[in-house]
Every structure is written in structure tokens, then in C-alpha cells.
Amino acid sequence: MKNKKFYTFRPIRELDSPLLYELSKEARGGLSNLPKTLDGAKKLAISSTQSFQNKGPKKNKKFIFVIENHEKKIVGISGIKARVGIERATYSFQMNTNHLHPTLELNQQFLGPSEIGSLFLSLNHRNQGIGRLLSLSRFLFIRLFKEQFTKTITAELRGYLHKNNVSPFWNKLGKKFINMSFNKADIQSVKDVTFIDQNFPKKPIYLQLLDPSIIPYLGAVHPFTEPAKKLLMSENFNTTNQIDIFDGGPKLECLSENIRTYKNAKESSLEELIQNLGPETVLISNQKFQQFRCIRANKDTPLAQIKKQLNILEKDPILFVKEKNDQNKKSK
């Protein structure tokens, strides 16, 4: 891994706000919940910083991380919510497909489990293994600071959208009850906490009464989201019977102790690990809370670079795990 280009996974800082805002401009509409304004980026960074500083109730914490490259440019973002459904309920459609007459039923949840999300990687840095660093590093953080999270970890994935940002799921279902576009309804639900409760049907919706062409979109993900789903499934996540009420995207979940990265991670000192590094890429993190860092490395990565990126000494404790399952060595 003798590469002048290197990437570091770390907590976001308020100073990153302008760079995060620039990154958000790369995201296509409907494909990301990144902040759309500089002020929004600042608020997100400040909220995350306060979480790392243990300010406020534990259930309200939202940890935001970024990927920083060798040029100090922010090229990716991901996050973890300590709990969902805190200040407002979360909603989903529950698919009751084992019934004689399958239905979709609006489900409301308060004080839900921990959730990973907010993941976006710059288009110019994809297909280089950086996506794995951006996603899997969160599980090392959860392993180290498990007291901050619930035993179950969930993930809501973006549903299928056409190239013009049109949701076939919304057009064939949601629009029958709310006569507005997918984007407008999605934005309105954020602005108005009563929007969903007042406008979505409370009674079960029988699938037989819907256009049959909607069925393939129940739990389907956007093509850009397929790699993220594939990665989480390889980490032992499972699909649930819950889907998003706007785009039909799936909800995945896994007990933290069953997540591959969490379960297989080992503690060591950097000094000891260096002696045993081979050609395979591993994820290595320090064990610091506010100054958490995680990188990719192998036997060719200079020790000085590892120490600098992780901000540690050789005798400091680290956590490491193979980047991929043995069975997935040939996968990208």
C-alpha cells in the first residue's frame, strides 16, 4: 500500500463545514440527506461535536464522521444515531405479506434503536475501497464505545428512483393520498412533524388494490445504493418487513455482536500488529473517543504514516479487522 494517496476516517469538526457543503453539491437530489446549505452543514457539525463532548442526553447523540484525503479534502461522510424517534416519531410501512390478503400498514415508532446512515462518498473516490472504510469504520467505533448504542443496529436504504429523481413507489402509492411530488412531500415531512400522521392512511392498504407494477419496488434500492446494501448484507445485516413510506426503500438490521466487523475485530498494540501485517488490507483504528481515527493498511504501509494518521505511538492500543471476509477476497 505504498501510495501517496491516503484516507483517514475521523469525526467531523465545525471547520469542515465549508468542505461538507461543497461535498453535498455532488449528491443528486433525493439520493442523499446531506445538508443543502452552509448553515445546515455547520449545524450538523456542531451537533456531532457536542455528541463527542458528551453534551446532552445520550439518546439524542448523533455521531458524524468524514473521510479526509491526503490533501485535507473531505471526500465522504457517514454517521450513527444513538437512537431514532427521539424528538419526533419515525414512520415506515410494515409489509404483512404472510396474510391471505397482503397489506402495507403505517408503523409509528418512538425511541427506536441505533441507526447508521448519512453515507455519501464523492463520485471520484468510489471503487477504490474507500467506501468500505467509510462504512465499516463505524462498527469499530460501536465496538469500542458500545455503551453509547443499542444492541440492535439498523440502516434505512434509499429506495429505487428513476434517473429523473421520480419515485415509482411514490407515484403508485403515496400520490394517491397526497397530491404532490416525491421531493416536495419528502421535504414537507421534514418541515412539518404532523405531516405524515395527518396525511397517510391509518388503516391497512391491501396490495391487491394497488397497481401490480408497484410490487417490484417494495424494498427495492436505488442502483447507486446496491453496493451499500451488498456490503451490509455481507456484514450479516438482514432485511426486515419495514420499508420507507416515500420511496419504498428497505430497512436492514443486525445485532451489533453479530456484525462481522464488530465480531471479528481484535485488540492489539500497533507495535505488535505491525509485525504481523500481511498483503491483505486491514482496517486499523485507535481507541480514542473524541479523537477516533480509522485507516486502511497492509504490510507495505509505512509505520510513520500509520502513526501519523491514527495519532498514536507504537505501544498505544489499537483495534483491527480484515477489510473483507475471506470468502469475499475476490469481490470489490
Protein backbone atom coordinates (compact mmCIF):
# COMPACT_ATOMS: atom_id res chain seq x y z
CA MET A 1 0.00 0.00 0.00
CA LYS A 2 2.79 2.40 -0.90
CA ASN A 3 0.50 5.13 -2.08
CA LYS A 4 0.87 8.86 -1.82
CA LYS A 5 -2.90 8.97 -1.62
CA PHE A 6 -4.23 8.01 1.78
CA TYR A 7 -7.53 8.45 3.57
CA THR A 8 -8.45 8.94 7.22
CA PHE A 9 -11.83 8.32 8.82
CA ARG A 10 -12.41 10.77 11.68
CA PRO A 11 -15.13 12.79 13.49
CA ILE A 12 -16.36 15.89 11.71
CA ARG A 13 -15.27 19.30 13.00
CA GLU A 14 -17.00 22.66 12.68
CA LEU A 15 -14.12 23.81 10.47
CA ASP A 16 -15.15 21.10 7.98
CA SER A 17 -18.50 22.81 7.31
CA PRO A 18 -17.50 24.57 4.05
CA LEU A 19 -15.92 21.37 2.70
CA LEU A 20 -19.00 19.33 3.68
CA TYR A 21 -21.21 21.86 1.93
CA GLU A 22 -19.11 21.51 -1.23
CA LEU A 23 -19.39 17.72 -0.99
CA SER A 24 -23.18 17.97 -0.67
CA LYS A 25 -23.32 19.67 -4.07
CA GLU A 26 -22.15 16.40 -5.64
CA ALA A 27 -25.12 14.48 -4.31
CA ARG A 28 -28.02 14.16 -6.69
CA GLY A 29 -31.38 15.26 -5.38
CA GLY A 30 -33.18 12.51 -3.48
CA LEU A 31 -30.06 10.41 -3.17
CA SER A 32 -28.68 11.94 -0.01
CA ASN A 33 -29.78 13.61 3.22
CA LEU A 34 -26.66 15.77 3.27
CA PRO A 35 -27.24 19.38 4.39
CA LYS A 36 -28.23 21.54 1.44
CA THR A 37 -26.88 24.82 2.87
CA LEU A 38 -23.69 26.01 4.56
CA ASP A 39 -25.69 26.81 7.68
CA GLY A 40 -27.08 23.28 7.66
CA ALA A 41 -23.56 21.88 7.40
CA LYS A 42 -22.45 23.97 10.38
CA LYS A 43 -25.40 22.83 12.48
CA LEU A 44 -24.69 19.18 11.66
CA ALA A 45 -21.00 19.56 12.58
CA ILE A 46 -21.79 21.37 15.83
CA SER A 47 -24.40 18.78 16.82
CA SER A 48 -21.90 15.96 16.22
CA THR A 49 -19.14 17.76 18.13
CA GLN A 50 -21.47 18.16 21.11
CA SER A 51 -22.20 14.44 20.97
CA PHE A 52 -18.49 13.64 21.14
CA GLN A 53 -18.18 16.08 24.04
CA ASN A 54 -20.95 14.19 25.88
CA LYS A 55 -23.20 17.23 25.95
CA GLY A 56 -26.91 16.45 26.24
CA PRO A 57 -28.78 13.15 26.76
CA LYS A 58 -27.14 10.02 25.38
CA LYS A 59 -30.24 9.10 23.37
CA ASN A 60 -30.01 12.38 21.40
CA LYS A 61 -26.46 11.85 20.21
CA LYS A 62 -25.61 11.80 16.52
CA PHE A 63 -22.02 11.00 15.59
CA ILE A 64 -20.92 12.27 12.18
CA PHE A 65 -17.67 11.14 10.56
CA VAL A 66 -15.83 12.21 7.44
CA ILE A 67 -13.20 10.75 5.17
CA GLU A 68 -10.28 13.12 4.71
CA ASN A 69 -7.74 12.53 1.94
CA HIS A 70 -4.05 13.37 1.82
CA GLU A 71 -4.88 16.85 0.56
CA LYS A 72 -7.09 17.53 3.61
CA LYS A 73 -10.17 17.46 1.40
CA ILE A 74 -13.41 15.94 2.68
CA VAL A 75 -14.47 13.23 0.21
CA GLY A 76 -17.04 11.26 2.21
CA ILE A 77 -19.41 11.34 5.18
CA SER A 78 -21.24 8.78 7.31
CA GLY A 79 -22.91 8.76 10.69
CA ILE A 80 -24.51 6.92 13.60
CA LYS A 81 -27.60 7.98 15.54
CA ALA A 82 -27.62 6.73 19.14
CA ARG A 83 -31.42 6.35 18.92
CA VAL A 84 -34.10 7.19 16.35
CA GLY A 85 -37.55 8.53 17.13
CA ILE A 86 -36.40 10.94 19.83
CA GLU A 87 -37.75 14.40 19.05
CA ARG A 88 -40.26 13.06 16.54
CA ALA A 89 -41.64 9.67 15.60
CA THR A 90 -40.17 7.65 12.78
CA TYR A 91 -42.55 6.09 10.28
CA SER A 92 -42.41 3.11 7.97
CA PHE A 93 -44.75 0.78 6.13
CA GLN A 94 -44.91 -2.69 7.65
CA MET A 95 -45.30 -5.34 4.97
CA ASN A 96 -47.69 -8.04 6.11
CA THR A 97 -47.03 -10.47 3.30
CA ASN A 98 -47.82 -13.71 5.14
CA HIS A 99 -51.54 -12.92 5.26
CA LEU A 100 -54.14 -14.28 2.87
CA HIS A 101 -54.52 -10.71 1.66
CA PRO A 102 -51.09 -8.98 1.99
CA THR A 103 -51.12 -5.42 3.27
CA LEU A 104 -48.98 -2.39 3.94
CA GLU A 105 -49.62 -0.77 7.32
CA LEU A 106 -48.30 2.55 8.62
CA ASN A 107 -45.98 1.96 11.57
CA GLN A 108 -45.03 4.68 14.07
CA GLN A 109 -42.02 4.32 16.40
CA PHE A 110 -40.70 6.40 19.26
CA LEU A 111 -37.34 5.79 20.97
CA GLY A 112 -36.12 3.29 18.42
CA PRO A 113 -32.72 1.57 18.07
CA SER A 114 -29.39 2.96 16.92
CA GLU A 115 -29.13 3.66 13.21
CA ILE A 116 -26.28 4.06 10.76
CA GLY A 117 -26.80 6.46 7.87
CA SER A 118 -25.82 9.78 6.27
CA LEU A 119 -23.42 7.91 3.99
CA PHE A 120 -22.14 9.59 0.85
CA LEU A 121 -18.83 9.20 -0.98
CA SER A 122 -17.58 11.55 -3.68
CA LEU A 123 -18.01 10.03 -7.15
CA ASN A 124 -14.28 10.49 -7.89
CA HIS A 125 -13.28 8.29 -4.95
CA ARG A 126 -15.50 5.26 -5.49
CA ASN A 127 -14.39 1.74 -6.42
CA GLN A 128 -11.13 2.17 -4.51
CA GLY A 129 -12.06 0.52 -1.20
CA ILE A 130 -12.78 3.90 0.38
CA GLY A 131 -16.47 3.06 0.65
CA ARG A 132 -15.62 0.16 2.95
CA LEU A 133 -13.56 2.43 5.16
CA LEU A 134 -16.41 4.95 5.25
CA SER A 135 -18.99 2.35 6.21
CA LEU A 136 -17.20 -0.30 8.28
CA SER A 137 -15.17 2.06 10.48
CA ARG A 138 -18.44 2.89 12.24
CA PHE A 139 -18.67 -0.68 13.52
CA LEU A 140 -15.22 -0.44 15.11
CA PHE A 141 -16.38 2.75 16.83
CA ILE A 142 -19.54 0.99 18.04
CA ARG A 143 -17.44 -1.94 19.29
CA LEU A 144 -15.16 0.37 21.29
CA PHE A 145 -17.94 2.53 22.73
CA LYS A 146 -20.85 0.09 22.85
CA GLU A 147 -22.38 1.85 25.85
CA GLN A 148 -23.39 4.67 23.52
CA PHE A 149 -25.62 2.46 21.36
CA THR A 150 -28.42 -0.09 21.46
CA LYS A 151 -27.78 -3.79 20.93
CA THR A 152 -29.59 -3.64 17.59
CA ILE A 153 -28.20 -1.53 14.75
CA THR A 154 -30.48 -0.53 11.88
CA ALA A 155 -30.00 1.02 8.45
CA GLU A 156 -32.58 2.57 6.11
CA LEU A 157 -31.53 2.42 2.47
CA ARG A 158 -32.59 4.72 -0.34
CA GLY A 159 -35.38 3.25 -2.46
CA TYR A 160 -35.46 2.95 -6.22
CA LEU A 161 -35.65 6.21 -8.16
CA HIS A 162 -35.68 6.79 -11.91
CA LYS A 163 -32.91 8.93 -13.42
CA ASN A 164 -35.14 11.99 -13.28
CA ASN A 165 -35.48 11.56 -9.50
CA VAL A 166 -39.03 10.21 -9.83
CA SER A 167 -40.07 7.52 -7.35
CA PRO A 168 -42.29 4.85 -8.92
CA PHE A 169 -43.27 3.72 -5.41
CA TRP A 170 -44.46 7.23 -4.50
CA ASN A 171 -46.29 7.77 -7.78
CA LYS A 172 -48.18 4.48 -7.49
CA LEU A 173 -48.99 4.75 -3.77
CA GLY A 174 -48.20 7.92 -1.83
CA LYS A 175 -49.51 10.25 -4.50
CA LYS A 176 -52.93 8.59 -4.25
CA PHE A 177 -53.23 10.11 -0.77
CA ILE A 178 -51.05 13.24 -1.07
CA ASN A 179 -51.22 15.11 -4.36
CA MET A 180 -47.66 16.43 -4.51
CA SER A 181 -44.33 15.32 -5.94
CA PHE A 182 -42.00 12.90 -4.18
CA ASN A 183 -39.41 15.62 -3.48
CA LYS A 184 -41.97 18.11 -2.17
CA ALA A 185 -43.62 15.54 0.11
CA ASP A 186 -40.25 14.40 1.43
CA ILE A 187 -39.22 17.98 2.23
CA GLN A 188 -42.60 18.81 3.76
CA SER A 189 -42.37 15.81 6.10
CA VAL A 190 -39.12 17.25 7.49
CA LYS A 191 -40.56 20.72 7.97
CA ASP A 192 -43.87 19.61 9.49
CA VAL A 193 -43.79 16.95 12.23
CA THR A 194 -47.55 16.35 11.80
CA PHE A 195 -47.42 15.91 8.01
CA ILE A 196 -47.18 12.12 7.94
CA ASP A 197 -49.63 11.47 10.75
CA GLN A 198 -52.24 13.77 9.22
CA ASN A 199 -51.92 12.68 5.59
CA PHE A 200 -51.03 9.00 5.45
CA PRO A 201 -53.74 6.33 5.82
CA LYS A 202 -54.07 4.71 9.25
CA LYS A 203 -55.79 1.56 8.00
CA PRO A 204 -54.00 -1.32 6.21
CA ILE A 205 -53.57 -0.91 2.45
CA TYR A 206 -54.37 -4.12 0.54
CA LEU A 207 -51.76 -4.83 -2.12
CA GLN A 208 -54.38 -6.41 -4.40
CA LEU A 209 -55.99 -2.97 -4.75
CA LEU A 210 -52.77 -1.35 -5.99
CA ASP A 211 -51.28 -1.27 -9.46
CA PRO A 212 -49.43 -4.64 -9.75
CA SER A 213 -46.41 -2.82 -11.20
CA ILE A 214 -45.63 -1.41 -7.72
CA ILE A 215 -44.73 -4.82 -6.29
CA PRO A 216 -41.11 -4.96 -7.60
CA TYR A 217 -40.40 -1.63 -5.89
CA LEU A 218 -41.36 -2.79 -2.38
CA GLY A 219 -38.00 -2.94 -0.61
CA ALA A 220 -36.03 -2.21 -3.80
CA VAL A 221 -32.96 0.05 -3.61
CA HIS A 222 -31.58 2.63 -6.00
CA PRO A 223 -28.79 1.31 -8.27
CA PHE A 224 -26.33 3.66 -6.55
CA THR A 225 -27.31 2.09 -3.22
CA GLU A 226 -26.81 -1.52 -4.30
CA PRO A 227 -23.13 -1.59 -3.22
CA ALA A 228 -24.05 -0.30 0.25
CA LYS A 229 -26.75 -2.94 0.62
CA LYS A 230 -24.41 -5.69 -0.59
CA LEU A 231 -21.76 -4.59 1.90
CA LEU A 232 -24.19 -4.54 4.84
CA MET A 233 -25.60 -7.95 3.91
CA SER A 234 -22.03 -9.32 3.87
CA GLU A 235 -21.69 -7.88 7.39
CA ASN A 236 -24.64 -10.09 8.47
CA PHE A 237 -27.41 -7.49 8.29
CA ASN A 238 -30.85 -8.80 7.34
CA THR A 239 -33.80 -7.17 5.62
CA THR A 240 -36.89 -6.56 7.74
CA ASN A 241 -40.58 -6.25 6.90
CA GLN A 242 -40.30 -2.45 7.16
CA ILE A 243 -39.97 -0.16 4.12
CA ASP A 244 -39.78 3.61 3.65
CA ILE A 245 -43.13 5.34 3.23
CA PHE A 246 -41.86 7.67 0.50
CA ASP A 247 -39.60 5.62 -1.78
CA GLY A 248 -40.18 2.04 -0.59
CA GLY A 249 -36.52 1.51 0.37
CA PRO A 250 -35.73 -1.36 2.75
CA LYS A 251 -34.83 -1.26 6.43
CA LEU A 252 -31.99 -3.57 7.48
CA GLU A 253 -30.96 -4.59 10.98
CA CYS A 254 -28.44 -6.68 12.89
CA LEU A 255 -27.45 -7.29 16.49
CA SER A 256 -24.19 -5.42 16.96
CA GLU A 257 -22.44 -8.52 18.31
CA ASN A 258 -23.28 -10.34 15.07
CA ILE A 259 -21.88 -7.68 12.72
CA ARG A 260 -18.82 -9.17 11.04
CA THR A 261 -16.52 -6.20 11.60
CA TYR A 262 -17.63 -5.83 15.23
CA LYS A 263 -17.40 -9.55 15.97
CA ASN A 264 -14.05 -10.21 14.28
CA ALA A 265 -12.21 -7.09 15.47
CA LYS A 266 -9.18 -7.73 17.69
CA GLU A 267 -7.33 -5.53 20.13
CA SER A 268 -3.58 -5.16 19.97
CA SER A 269 -0.81 -2.62 20.17
CA LEU A 270 0.36 -1.02 16.96
CA GLU A 271 3.83 -2.43 17.63
CA GLU A 272 2.51 -5.98 17.75
CA LEU A 273 0.22 -5.59 14.74
CA ILE A 274 2.96 -4.20 12.50
CA GLN A 275 4.97 -7.39 12.96
CA ASN A 276 2.05 -9.47 11.68
CA LEU A 277 0.68 -7.39 8.83
CA GLY A 278 0.49 -9.21 5.51
CA PRO A 279 -0.57 -8.32 1.96
CA GLU A 280 -4.26 -8.25 2.93
CA THR A 281 -5.76 -4.88 3.72
CA VAL A 282 -6.96 -4.37 7.28
CA LEU A 283 -8.87 -1.59 8.98
CA ILE A 284 -6.98 -0.15 11.95
CA SER A 285 -8.40 2.30 14.46
CA ASN A 286 -7.11 3.94 17.57
CA GLN A 287 -9.15 3.63 20.75
CA LYS A 288 -9.83 7.31 21.36
CA PHE A 289 -13.37 8.63 21.65
CA GLN A 290 -13.19 12.28 20.66
CA GLN A 291 -10.10 11.75 18.50
CA PHE A 292 -11.22 8.48 16.88
CA ARG A 293 -9.35 7.61 13.70
CA CYS A 294 -9.51 4.64 11.33
CA ILE A 295 -7.45 3.82 8.22
CA ARG A 296 -6.72 1.06 5.69
CA ALA A 297 -3.27 -0.52 5.79
CA ASN A 298 -1.17 -3.57 4.95
CA LYS A 299 2.47 -4.64 5.23
CA ASP A 300 3.53 -2.04 2.66
CA THR A 301 2.05 0.92 4.55
CA PRO A 302 4.86 2.92 6.21
CA LEU A 303 4.75 2.79 10.01
CA ALA A 304 5.26 6.54 10.22
CA GLN A 305 2.20 7.10 8.06
CA ILE A 306 0.05 4.82 10.22
CA LYS A 307 1.18 6.57 13.41
CA LYS A 308 0.51 9.98 11.92
CA GLN A 309 -2.92 9.11 10.56
CA LEU A 310 -4.07 7.45 13.78
CA ASN A 311 -2.31 10.00 16.00
CA ILE A 312 -0.76 7.29 18.18
CA LEU A 313 2.56 5.80 19.32
CA GLU A 314 3.74 2.26 18.61
CA LYS A 315 2.79 0.98 22.06
CA ASP A 316 -0.69 2.51 22.01
CA PRO A 317 -3.70 0.16 21.83
CA ILE A 318 -5.49 -0.24 18.52
CA LEU A 319 -8.39 -2.24 17.11
CA PHE A 320 -8.07 -4.00 13.77
CA VAL A 321 -10.05 -6.28 11.47
CA LYS A 322 -9.70 -7.70 7.98
CA GLU A 323 -11.31 -5.38 5.49
CA LYS A 324 -13.12 -8.25 3.79
CA ASN A 325 -14.44 -11.70 4.62
CA ASP A 326 -12.12 -14.47 3.48
CA GLN A 327 -14.93 -15.65 1.19
CA ASN A 328 -15.14 -12.17 -0.33
CA LYS A 329 -11.49 -11.65 -1.14
CA LYS A 330 -12.23 -11.60 -4.83
CA SER A 331 -15.12 -9.17 -4.52
CA LYS A 332 -14.60 -5.45 -4.95
